[in-house]
Amino acid sequence: MTEPHIPDAQTAAGRLEATFGAILAERMQDVPILNPALAVEAVGLRDWQGHWLGALVTPWFINLVVLPGSGAWHAVADRESVWYAFPSGRFEFIAGSEPGLGSYHACSLFSPVQEFADHETARETARVALESLFDPALLGESSGSDQPDGPQLSRRDFLRGAAATRP
C-alpha cells in the first residue's frame, strides 16, 4: 500500500497537532503521567529526504517524528523499527499510524515528561534535539543503510551529549 504524501510542513504540523490533541482529549485525560504544564505542539517540521521531519511535544512524551512527504515512504507494520541515518548518527524510529494522520515513524526522546517545568522548555528541548541530528561532530560518519552497524547511541546519551565523547 502506498501512503498518501503530506503536501507541506504546515499541513503536516496541523495533522500532528490535531491527531495528538484528539488523543489527549479522548484517550489520555485521566492518565496520571500527563504533565499539565505541556501542550500538544509540532516543532520544526521540515522537508528531509522527501519526508517531513520534526519533533512532537505532548503532555506525555517528546518524540522525533517522520511523516510521508513527496519521497518514497518506507512502509512497515505498526511497532516495527525503521532506522534513519543522520549526520550525528543512526536512530531507531518505531512505526505507528493514527486515523486522520496516517503512517508515521517516531523516535522517543522523553516519556514521560514530568521533568519539564513549562512548555517553553519542552519546546526548546525538542528544537535542540532536532537540530542536533544534523551536527556531524556529535558522532561522525554514518553508512546510511536501514540496519544498524556498529555501536548505537541511546536517545538519552544523545541528549546528554555523550556522543561527543565517543571514540
Protein backbone atom coordinates (compact mmCIF):
# COMPACT_ATOMS: atom_id res chain seq x y z
CA MET A 1 0.00 0.00 0.00
CA THR A 2 1.32 3.44 -0.91
CA GLU A 3 1.00 6.00 1.86
CA PRO A 4 -0.50 9.31 0.70
CA HIS A 5 2.04 12.07 0.99
CA ILE A 6 1.52 15.21 3.01
CA PRO A 7 1.99 18.22 0.71
CA ASP A 8 3.62 20.77 3.02
CA ALA A 9 5.03 21.37 6.51
CA GLN A 10 2.02 23.40 7.63
CA THR A 11 -0.35 20.54 6.75
CA ALA A 12 1.95 18.02 8.45
CA ALA A 13 2.10 20.14 11.64
CA GLY A 14 -1.66 20.65 11.61
CA ARG A 15 -2.35 16.93 11.25
CA LEU A 16 0.10 16.01 14.02
CA GLU A 17 -1.36 18.58 16.42
CA ALA A 18 -4.99 17.70 15.60
CA THR A 19 -4.39 13.96 15.89
CA PHE A 20 -2.46 14.07 19.15
CA GLY A 21 -4.74 16.78 20.54
CA ALA A 22 -7.65 14.39 19.96
CA ILE A 23 -5.69 11.56 21.60
CA LEU A 24 -5.12 13.82 24.62
CA ALA A 25 -8.82 14.68 24.83
CA GLU A 26 -10.19 11.20 24.11
CA ARG A 27 -7.68 8.68 25.46
CA MET A 28 -5.28 10.36 27.85
CA GLN A 29 -7.35 12.63 30.10
CA ASP A 30 -7.19 10.50 33.25
CA VAL A 31 -3.71 9.08 32.74
CA PRO A 32 -1.53 10.09 35.72
CA ILE A 33 1.70 10.55 33.71
CA LEU A 34 0.40 13.71 32.00
CA ASN A 35 2.33 16.91 32.63
CA PRO A 36 -0.34 19.65 32.80
CA ALA A 37 2.28 22.32 32.00
CA LEU A 38 2.70 20.92 28.47
CA ALA A 39 0.51 21.14 25.39
CA VAL A 40 0.50 19.35 22.04
CA GLU A 41 2.80 21.11 19.57
CA ALA A 42 4.63 20.14 16.39
CA VAL A 43 8.10 21.70 16.40
CA GLY A 44 10.42 22.48 13.49
CA LEU A 45 8.85 20.41 10.72
CA ARG A 46 11.00 20.49 7.59
CA ASP A 47 11.49 18.63 4.35
CA TRP A 48 14.14 15.96 4.81
CA GLN A 49 14.91 13.43 2.08
CA GLY A 50 11.38 13.71 0.72
CA HIS A 51 9.76 13.26 4.15
CA TRP A 52 8.57 15.65 6.86
CA LEU A 53 10.88 15.55 9.87
CA GLY A 54 10.13 17.34 13.12
CA ALA A 55 9.52 16.92 16.80
CA LEU A 56 6.26 16.50 18.68
CA VAL A 57 5.72 17.73 22.22
CA THR A 58 2.76 16.34 24.16
CA PRO A 59 1.90 16.22 27.88
CA TRP A 60 3.09 12.57 27.92
CA PHE A 61 6.10 12.47 25.53
CA ILE A 62 8.54 14.30 23.29
CA ASN A 63 9.33 12.42 20.09
CA LEU A 64 11.12 12.99 16.84
CA VAL A 65 8.70 12.20 14.01
CA VAL A 66 8.94 11.41 10.31
CA LEU A 67 5.85 11.70 8.11
CA PRO A 68 5.42 10.81 4.42
CA GLY A 69 6.25 13.64 2.03
CA SER A 70 6.95 13.52 -1.69
CA GLY A 71 9.60 10.76 -1.40
CA ALA A 72 9.18 7.00 -1.29
CA TRP A 73 7.77 6.03 2.11
CA HIS A 74 9.27 3.06 3.96
CA ALA A 75 6.01 1.39 4.99
CA VAL A 76 6.28 -1.14 7.81
CA ALA A 77 3.77 -2.59 10.24
CA ASP A 78 2.91 -0.64 13.39
CA ARG A 79 5.51 -1.09 16.15
CA GLU A 80 8.18 -2.23 13.66
CA SER A 81 11.57 -0.48 13.66
CA VAL A 82 12.91 1.77 10.94
CA TRP A 83 16.47 3.11 11.18
CA TYR A 84 17.32 6.58 9.86
CA ALA A 85 20.85 7.87 9.36
CA PHE A 86 21.61 11.49 10.17
CA PRO A 87 24.95 13.32 10.27
CA SER A 88 25.03 12.77 14.05
CA GLY A 89 24.34 9.03 13.85
CA ARG A 90 21.72 6.36 13.28
CA PHE A 91 18.48 6.34 15.22
CA GLU A 92 15.67 3.84 15.63
CA PHE A 93 12.15 5.04 14.86
CA ILE A 94 9.04 2.98 15.58
CA ALA A 95 6.21 2.86 13.04
CA GLY A 96 2.72 3.89 14.01
CA SER A 97 -0.49 5.08 12.42
CA GLU A 98 -3.48 7.09 13.53
CA PRO A 99 -6.76 7.97 11.81
CA GLY A 100 -6.56 11.46 10.33
CA LEU A 101 -2.76 11.33 10.23
CA GLY A 102 -1.85 8.05 8.59
CA SER A 103 1.51 6.36 8.98
CA TYR A 104 4.39 7.95 10.84
CA HIS A 105 7.70 6.93 12.38
CA ALA A 106 8.58 8.13 15.90
CA CYS A 107 11.77 8.20 17.95
CA SER A 108 11.09 8.68 21.66
CA LEU A 109 13.20 11.34 23.35
CA PHE A 110 11.35 11.68 26.67
CA SER A 111 8.48 9.67 28.11
CA PRO A 112 7.04 10.62 30.46
CA VAL A 113 7.85 14.34 30.54
CA GLN A 114 7.45 15.17 34.22
CA GLU A 115 10.88 16.83 34.40
CA PHE A 116 9.71 19.80 32.28
CA ALA A 117 8.50 22.75 34.33
CA ASP A 118 6.94 24.57 31.37
CA HIS A 119 6.03 24.17 27.72
CA GLU A 120 8.70 26.60 26.51
CA THR A 121 11.47 24.41 27.97
CA ALA A 122 9.96 21.30 26.38
CA ARG A 123 9.67 23.07 23.01
CA GLU A 124 13.29 24.27 23.18
CA THR A 125 14.50 20.77 24.13
CA ALA A 126 12.64 19.33 21.13
CA ARG A 127 14.10 22.01 18.84
CA VAL A 128 17.67 21.41 20.04
CA ALA A 129 17.31 17.62 19.70
CA LEU A 130 16.04 18.07 16.14
CA GLU A 131 18.89 20.43 15.22
CA SER A 132 21.43 18.08 16.83
CA LEU A 133 20.54 15.36 14.33
CA PHE A 134 22.39 17.41 11.72
CA ASP A 135 25.58 18.01 13.74
CA PRO A 136 28.20 15.54 12.47
CA ALA A 137 30.52 16.45 15.34
CA LEU A 138 28.25 14.51 17.72
CA LEU A 139 29.07 11.07 16.31
CA GLY A 140 30.82 11.14 12.95
CA GLU A 141 30.14 9.31 9.73
CA SER A 142 27.17 7.02 9.15
CA SER A 143 26.59 4.45 6.45
CA GLY A 144 23.03 5.48 5.53
CA SER A 145 21.62 1.92 5.40
CA ASP A 146 18.41 0.80 7.09
CA GLN A 147 20.12 -1.53 9.60
CA PRO A 148 22.42 -0.66 12.47
CA ASP A 149 26.12 -1.37 12.09
CA GLY A 150 28.50 -0.78 14.94
CA PRO A 151 27.78 0.81 18.31
CA GLN A 152 24.48 2.63 18.58
CA LEU A 153 23.85 5.72 20.66
CA SER A 154 20.92 5.67 23.08
CA ARG A 155 18.49 8.59 22.92
CA ARG A 156 19.33 9.57 26.50
CA ASP A 157 23.09 9.60 25.75
CA PHE A 158 22.40 11.59 22.57
CA LEU A 159 20.52 14.25 24.53
CA ARG A 160 23.18 14.33 27.24
CA GLY A 161 25.87 14.97 24.63
CA ALA A 162 27.66 11.67 25.24
CA ALA A 163 28.22 11.26 21.50
CA ALA A 164 30.86 13.96 21.60
CA THR A 165 32.94 11.83 23.98
CA ARG A 166 32.76 8.60 21.98
CA PRO A 167 35.86 7.43 20.08
